[in-house]
Amino acid sequence: MAMPKKMQLTTEQVFPNGAFVVGEVEPVRDYDAPAPPKGVDRPQKRDQETGLMVWTVPILDADPEAKKNQKTVNVKILSATQPVPPVNNSGMPFIPVEFTDLEVGYYVKTEGDFSRLEWTFMARGMTEPAGRKPAAGNGGASSSKAAA
């Protein structure tokens, strides 16, 4: 059976307990381009299919069962201009976020004699989560207490 290399998923499918911006949006540098003169930054990478610039933002996965090295992932965003995270009205130090046109891909990463499956995340934008209930402290399970 042939598996697709990329799949369209929703933010809620990938991050069912929530996703949170935990750093700055930064340009992805193009290391396939010829090396620039000393002291000059490499050009920004562009998506081969769309020609849009590629940006990256670190995201905290609120899954309480995520392993230590899986709690923070980078999501690449394709955009003509630098994406701006939503306004943080959550009262938390991290910004709740939802991604538009989220695409998940995979590749095999080999380190020495060991190989493992790695995931890549690419989106067209990020917005404030629409209508999602915040994850509860018990891993996202609903609480039996009525809202005050």
C-alpha atoms as a PDB file:
ATOM      1  CA  MET A   1       0.000   0.000   0.000  1.00  0.00           C
ATOM      2  CA  ALA A   2       1.343   3.408  -0.918  1.00  0.00           C
ATOM      3  CA  MET A   3       1.018   6.080   1.759  1.00  0.00           C
ATOM      4  CA  PRO A   4       0.870   9.761   0.774  1.00  0.00           C
ATOM      5  CA  LYS A   5       3.916  11.777   1.860  1.00  0.00           C
ATOM      6  CA  LYS A   6       1.674  14.671   2.976  1.00  0.00           C
ATOM      7  CA  MET A   7      -1.778  14.790   4.544  1.00  0.00           C
ATOM      8  CA  GLN A   8      -4.216  17.670   5.155  1.00  0.00           C
ATOM      9  CA  LEU A   9      -5.259  17.687   8.812  1.00  0.00           C
ATOM     10  CA  THR A  10      -6.840  20.161  11.195  1.00  0.00           C
ATOM     11  CA  THR A  11      -5.067  21.734  14.146  1.00  0.00           C
ATOM     12  CA  GLU A  12      -7.429  19.864  16.457  1.00  0.00           C
ATOM     13  CA  GLN A  13      -6.472  16.523  14.879  1.00  0.00           C
ATOM     14  CA  VAL A  14      -2.746  17.168  15.282  1.00  0.00           C
ATOM     15  CA  PHE A  15      -2.898  19.013  18.622  1.00  0.00           C
ATOM     16  CA  PRO A  16      -6.106  17.781  20.344  1.00  0.00           C
ATOM     17  CA  ASN A  17      -5.089  19.349  23.679  1.00  0.00           C
ATOM     18  CA  GLY A  18      -4.147  22.664  22.079  1.00  0.00           C
ATOM     19  CA  ALA A  19      -1.193  24.323  20.357  1.00  0.00           C
ATOM     20  CA  PHE A  20       0.610  27.356  21.743  1.00  0.00           C
ATOM     21  CA  VAL A  21       3.136  29.755  20.206  1.00  0.00           C
ATOM     22  CA  VAL A  22       6.218  29.768  22.462  1.00  0.00           C
ATOM     23  CA  GLY A  23       8.703  31.817  20.426  1.00  0.00           C
ATOM     24  CA  GLU A  24       9.266  34.218  17.580  1.00  0.00           C
ATOM     25  CA  VAL A  25       8.263  33.747  13.949  1.00  0.00           C
ATOM     26  CA  GLU A  26      11.527  33.595  11.995  1.00  0.00           C
ATOM     27  CA  PRO A  27      12.486  33.207   8.337  1.00  0.00           C
ATOM     28  CA  VAL A  28      13.791  29.822   7.213  1.00  0.00           C
ATOM     29  CA  ARG A  29      17.158  30.270   5.521  1.00  0.00           C
ATOM     30  CA  ASP A  30      17.852  28.587   2.161  1.00  0.00           C
ATOM     31  CA  TYR A  31      20.902  26.382   2.622  1.00  0.00           C
ATOM     32  CA  ASP A  32      20.525  25.020  -0.911  1.00  0.00           C
ATOM     33  CA  ALA A  33      21.271  28.482  -2.368  1.00  0.00           C
ATOM     34  CA  PRO A  34      24.865  29.429  -3.145  1.00  0.00           C
ATOM     35  CA  ALA A  35      26.755  30.663  -0.095  1.00  0.00           C
ATOM     36  CA  PRO A  36      26.611  34.459   0.156  1.00  0.00           C
ATOM     37  CA  PRO A  37      29.653  36.633   0.832  1.00  0.00           C
ATOM     38  CA  LYS A  38      30.941  36.631   4.401  1.00  0.00           C
ATOM     39  CA  GLY A  39      28.781  38.754   6.716  1.00  0.00           C
ATOM     40  CA  VAL A  40      25.666  38.473   4.530  1.00  0.00           C
ATOM     41  CA  ASP A  41      22.726  36.314   5.618  1.00  0.00           C
ATOM     42  CA  ARG A  42      21.598  33.480   3.407  1.00  0.00           C
ATOM     43  CA  PRO A  43      18.441  34.274   1.426  1.00  0.00           C
ATOM     44  CA  GLN A  44      15.091  33.191   2.787  1.00  0.00           C
ATOM     45  CA  LYS A  45      13.822  29.854   1.561  1.00  0.00           C
ATOM     46  CA  ARG A  46      10.851  29.833  -0.820  1.00  0.00           C
ATOM     47  CA  ASP A  47       8.383  27.018  -1.259  1.00  0.00           C
ATOM     48  CA  GLN A  48       9.039  25.222  -4.555  1.00  0.00           C
ATOM     49  CA  GLU A  49       5.350  24.777  -5.389  1.00  0.00           C
ATOM     50  CA  THR A  50       3.963  28.212  -4.483  1.00  0.00           C
ATOM     51  CA  GLY A  51       6.974  30.522  -4.500  1.00  0.00           C
ATOM     52  CA  LEU A  52       5.889  31.860  -1.090  1.00  0.00           C
ATOM     53  CA  MET A  53       8.472  32.577   1.604  1.00  0.00           C
ATOM     54  CA  VAL A  54       8.925  29.967   4.331  1.00  0.00           C
ATOM     55  CA  TRP A  55       8.714  31.014   7.997  1.00  0.00           C
ATOM     56  CA  THR A  56       8.984  28.922  11.151  1.00  0.00           C
ATOM     57  CA  VAL A  57       7.376  29.242  14.576  1.00  0.00           C
ATOM     58  CA  PRO A  58       7.961  27.048  17.668  1.00  0.00           C
ATOM     59  CA  ILE A  59       4.786  25.466  19.022  1.00  0.00           C
ATOM     60  CA  LEU A  60       4.138  23.789  22.362  1.00  0.00           C
ATOM     61  CA  ASP A  61       1.980  20.678  22.048  1.00  0.00           C
ATOM     62  CA  ALA A  62      -0.209  20.603  25.181  1.00  0.00           C
ATOM     63  CA  ASP A  63      -0.470  16.806  25.108  1.00  0.00           C
ATOM     64  CA  PRO A  64       0.321  15.734  28.696  1.00  0.00           C
ATOM     65  CA  GLU A  65       1.560  12.368  27.390  1.00  0.00           C
ATOM     66  CA  ALA A  66       3.993  13.814  24.829  1.00  0.00           C
ATOM     67  CA  LYS A  67       7.582  12.722  25.334  1.00  0.00           C
ATOM     68  CA  LYS A  68      10.156  15.303  26.414  1.00  0.00           C
ATOM     69  CA  ASN A  69      11.597  15.721  22.906  1.00  0.00           C
ATOM     70  CA  GLN A  70       8.114  15.962  21.340  1.00  0.00           C
ATOM     71  CA  LYS A  71       6.620  18.750  23.467  1.00  0.00           C
ATOM     72  CA  THR A  72       7.847  21.517  21.164  1.00  0.00           C
ATOM     73  CA  VAL A  73       7.655  21.315  17.375  1.00  0.00           C
ATOM     74  CA  ASN A  74       8.322  23.823  14.629  1.00  0.00           C
ATOM     75  CA  VAL A  75       5.530  24.645  12.210  1.00  0.00           C
ATOM     76  CA  LYS A  76       6.552  26.143   8.892  1.00  0.00           C
ATOM     77  CA  ILE A  77       4.233  28.754   7.450  1.00  0.00           C
ATOM     78  CA  LEU A  78       4.099  29.724   3.768  1.00  0.00           C
ATOM     79  CA  SER A  79       3.378  33.432   3.407  1.00  0.00           C
ATOM     80  CA  ALA A  80       4.338  36.422   1.283  1.00  0.00           C
ATOM     81  CA  THR A  81       4.800  38.457   4.492  1.00  0.00           C
ATOM     82  CA  GLN A  82       5.928  37.563   8.008  1.00  0.00           C
ATOM     83  CA  PRO A  83       3.041  35.860   9.849  1.00  0.00           C
ATOM     84  CA  VAL A  84       1.929  37.455  13.109  1.00  0.00           C
ATOM     85  CA  PRO A  85       0.676  35.301  15.999  1.00  0.00           C
ATOM     86  CA  PRO A  86      -2.821  36.072  17.272  1.00  0.00           C
ATOM     87  CA  VAL A  87      -3.272  38.482  20.173  1.00  0.00           C
ATOM     88  CA  ASN A  88      -2.825  36.698  23.484  1.00  0.00           C
ATOM     89  CA  ASN A  89      -6.075  37.101  25.426  1.00  0.00           C
ATOM     90  CA  SER A  90      -5.635  33.815  27.297  1.00  0.00           C
ATOM     91  CA  GLY A  91      -3.984  35.136  30.449  1.00  0.00           C
ATOM     92  CA  MET A  92      -1.232  32.538  29.920  1.00  0.00           C
ATOM     93  CA  PRO A  93       2.372  33.213  28.909  1.00  0.00           C
ATOM     94  CA  PHE A  94       1.830  31.181  25.721  1.00  0.00           C
ATOM     95  CA  ILE A  95      -0.394  32.141  22.790  1.00  0.00           C
ATOM     96  CA  PRO A  96      -3.160  29.692  21.797  1.00  0.00           C
ATOM     97  CA  VAL A  97      -3.085  29.180  18.036  1.00  0.00           C
ATOM     98  CA  GLU A  98      -4.871  27.397  15.228  1.00  0.00           C
ATOM     99  CA  PHE A  99      -3.355  26.813  11.798  1.00  0.00           C
ATOM    100  CA  THR A 100      -5.011  27.242   8.415  1.00  0.00           C
ATOM    101  CA  ASP A 101      -4.427  24.662   5.681  1.00  0.00           C
ATOM    102  CA  LEU A 102      -2.256  22.518   7.951  1.00  0.00           C
ATOM    103  CA  GLU A 103      -0.329  19.842   6.092  1.00  0.00           C
ATOM    104  CA  VAL A 104       1.545  17.065   7.881  1.00  0.00           C
ATOM    105  CA  GLY A 105       4.364  15.147   6.242  1.00  0.00           C
ATOM    106  CA  TYR A 106       6.930  12.609   7.343  1.00  0.00           C
ATOM    107  CA  TYR A 107      10.443  11.466   6.584  1.00  0.00           C
ATOM    108  CA  VAL A 108      12.888   8.919   7.948  1.00  0.00           C
ATOM    109  CA  LYS A 109      15.704  10.427  10.004  1.00  0.00           C
ATOM    110  CA  THR A 110      18.836   8.307  10.299  1.00  0.00           C
ATOM    111  CA  GLU A 111      21.400   8.854  13.035  1.00  0.00           C
ATOM    112  CA  GLY A 112      24.212   6.316  12.925  1.00  0.00           C
ATOM    113  CA  ASP A 113      22.699   2.834  13.005  1.00  0.00           C
ATOM    114  CA  PHE A 114      19.266   4.061  14.111  1.00  0.00           C
ATOM    115  CA  SER A 115      16.366   5.395  12.060  1.00  0.00           C
ATOM    116  CA  ARG A 116      13.088   6.913  13.179  1.00  0.00           C
ATOM    117  CA  LEU A 117      10.039   8.525  11.647  1.00  0.00           C
ATOM    118  CA  GLU A 118       9.964  12.341  11.949  1.00  0.00           C
ATOM    119  CA  TRP A 119       7.010  14.637  11.260  1.00  0.00           C
ATOM    120  CA  THR A 120       6.941  17.972   9.448  1.00  0.00           C
ATOM    121  CA  PHE A 121       4.201  20.577   9.782  1.00  0.00           C
ATOM    122  CA  MET A 122       3.410  23.212   7.144  1.00  0.00           C
ATOM    123  CA  ALA A 123       0.540  25.727   7.162  1.00  0.00           C
ATOM    124  CA  ARG A 124      -0.667  28.768   5.227  1.00  0.00           C
ATOM    125  CA  GLY A 125      -1.391  30.874   8.282  1.00  0.00           C
ATOM    126  CA  MET A 126      -2.200  31.001  11.973  1.00  0.00           C
ATOM    127  CA  THR A 127      -5.192  32.438  13.790  1.00  0.00           C
ATOM    128  CA  GLU A 128      -6.814  32.558  17.195  1.00  0.00           C
ATOM    129  CA  PRO A 129      -8.571  29.245  17.906  1.00  0.00           C
ATOM    130  CA  ALA A 130     -12.209  29.492  16.871  1.00  0.00           C
ATOM    131  CA  GLY A 131     -14.703  28.017  19.291  1.00  0.00           C
ATOM    132  CA  ARG A 132     -12.345  25.530  20.880  1.00  0.00           C
ATOM    133  CA  LYS A 133     -12.749  24.858  24.561  1.00  0.00           C
ATOM    134  CA  PRO A 134      -9.452  25.264  26.416  1.00  0.00           C
ATOM    135  CA  ALA A 135      -7.847  21.980  27.383  1.00  0.00           C
ATOM    136  CA  ALA A 136      -8.522  20.958  30.954  1.00  0.00           C
ATOM    137  CA  GLY A 137      -5.690  20.166  33.335  1.00  0.00           C
ATOM    138  CA  ASN A 138      -6.576  16.484  33.103  1.00  0.00           C
ATOM    139  CA  GLY A 139      -5.422  15.994  29.526  1.00  0.00           C
ATOM    140  CA  GLY A 140      -8.390  17.590  27.810  1.00  0.00           C
ATOM    141  CA  ALA A 141     -11.125  15.488  29.384  1.00  0.00           C
ATOM    142  CA  SER A 142     -14.270  17.429  30.103  1.00  0.00           C
ATOM    143  CA  SER A 143     -14.969  18.526  33.635  1.00  0.00           C
ATOM    144  CA  SER A 144     -18.161  17.575  35.440  1.00  0.00           C
ATOM    145  CA  LYS A 145     -18.357  20.990  37.128  1.00  0.00           C
ATOM    146  CA  ALA A 146     -20.730  23.501  35.613  1.00  0.00           C
ATOM    147  CA  ALA A 147     -19.251  26.774  34.407  1.00  0.00           C
ATOM    148  CA  ALA A 148     -19.915  29.658  36.768  1.00  0.00           C
END
